[in-house]
Amino acid sequence: MLKSGKILRFTPSEIAEARLLGLDLSAVKTEEQFRSAVLELITTLERERPALLEQIAKALAAATGRKLPAQVTVVGGRKRTST
């Protein structure tokens, strides 16, 4: 990725590699567009593959030494917090 001021440029190989991960960077030119593309991927994973998104989140948390927040579930009409 090349950055000049607020403008981003991705090489064709970076765009192709990102596409393999489900991230379309072909029209991304700003940091805001990059954030939007990543958010779109996360939202899609949340809807279509929540277990995979959870695995990714756990791996990122472990790699950065952070803890994930507790998950909130509804059981029998009462909210419960689980880890």
Protein backbone atom coordinates (compact mmCIF):
# COMPACT_ATOMS: atom_id res chain seq x y z
CA MET A 1 0.00 0.00 0.00
CA LEU A 2 1.22 3.44 -0.87
CA LYS A 3 -0.01 6.48 1.04
CA SER A 4 0.29 10.06 -0.12
CA GLY A 5 -1.41 12.46 2.26
CA LYS A 6 -4.96 11.12 2.58
CA ILE A 7 -4.85 9.11 -0.65
CA LEU A 8 -4.23 5.34 -0.59
CA ARG A 9 -3.05 3.21 -3.49
CA PHE A 10 -2.91 -0.56 -3.55
CA THR A 11 -0.82 -2.61 -5.95
CA PRO A 12 -2.58 -5.09 -8.24
CA SER A 13 -1.11 -7.97 -6.23
CA GLU A 14 -2.39 -6.46 -2.95
CA ILE A 15 -5.86 -6.07 -4.48
CA ALA A 16 -5.79 -9.69 -5.69
CA GLU A 17 -4.60 -10.98 -2.32
CA ALA A 18 -7.28 -8.99 -0.45
CA ARG A 19 -9.94 -10.31 -2.83
CA LEU A 20 -8.99 -13.87 -1.80
CA LEU A 21 -9.86 -12.86 1.77
CA GLY A 22 -13.20 -11.38 0.68
CA LEU A 23 -12.04 -7.76 0.78
CA ASP A 24 -12.57 -5.62 -2.34
CA LEU A 25 -9.93 -2.90 -2.45
CA SER A 26 -10.23 -2.13 -6.17
CA ALA A 27 -12.05 1.19 -5.64
CA VAL A 28 -10.51 2.12 -2.28
CA LYS A 29 -8.70 5.46 -2.41
CA THR A 30 -9.03 6.83 1.17
CA GLU A 31 -8.66 5.54 4.71
CA GLU A 32 -12.42 6.00 5.20
CA GLN A 33 -13.13 3.81 2.16
CA PHE A 34 -10.68 1.22 3.53
CA ARG A 35 -12.47 1.23 6.90
CA SER A 36 -15.80 0.86 5.12
CA ALA A 37 -14.54 -2.10 3.08
CA VAL A 38 -13.24 -3.85 6.21
CA LEU A 39 -16.49 -3.10 8.07
CA GLU A 40 -18.49 -4.54 5.17
CA LEU A 41 -16.44 -7.75 5.35
CA ILE A 42 -16.91 -7.99 9.12
CA THR A 43 -20.66 -7.36 8.81
CA THR A 44 -20.94 -10.07 6.16
CA LEU A 45 -19.01 -12.53 8.34
CA GLU A 46 -21.20 -11.66 11.32
CA ARG A 47 -24.32 -12.44 9.29
CA GLU A 48 -23.10 -15.41 7.23
CA ARG A 49 -20.33 -17.06 9.29
CA PRO A 50 -20.51 -15.95 12.93
CA ALA A 51 -18.39 -18.86 14.17
CA LEU A 52 -15.59 -17.92 11.76
CA LEU A 53 -15.77 -14.27 12.86
CA GLU A 54 -15.47 -15.41 16.48
CA GLN A 55 -12.38 -17.49 15.64
CA ILE A 56 -10.81 -14.50 13.90
CA ALA A 57 -11.59 -12.23 16.86
CA LYS A 58 -10.08 -14.73 19.31
CA ALA A 59 -6.92 -15.07 17.20
CA LEU A 60 -6.54 -11.28 16.93
CA ALA A 61 -7.08 -10.88 20.68
CA ALA A 62 -4.49 -13.55 21.43
CA ALA A 63 -1.99 -12.02 19.00
CA THR A 64 -2.37 -8.56 20.53
CA GLY A 65 -2.64 -9.67 24.17
CA ARG A 66 -6.16 -8.30 24.56
CA LYS A 67 -9.25 -9.84 26.10
CA LEU A 68 -12.53 -10.14 24.25
CA PRO A 69 -15.62 -8.75 25.96
CA ALA A 70 -18.09 -11.24 27.40
CA GLN A 71 -20.81 -12.42 25.05
CA VAL A 72 -24.39 -11.61 25.95
CA THR A 73 -27.00 -14.28 25.31
CA VAL A 74 -30.70 -14.54 26.12
CA VAL A 75 -31.77 -17.72 27.91
CA GLY A 76 -35.31 -18.16 29.17
CA GLY A 77 -36.11 -14.49 28.78
CA ARG A 78 -33.20 -13.41 31.00
CA LYS A 79 -29.90 -12.02 29.80
CA ARG A 80 -26.83 -13.97 30.76
CA THR A 81 -23.22 -13.08 30.27
CA SER A 82 -20.84 -15.80 29.16
CA THR A 83 -17.14 -15.85 28.33
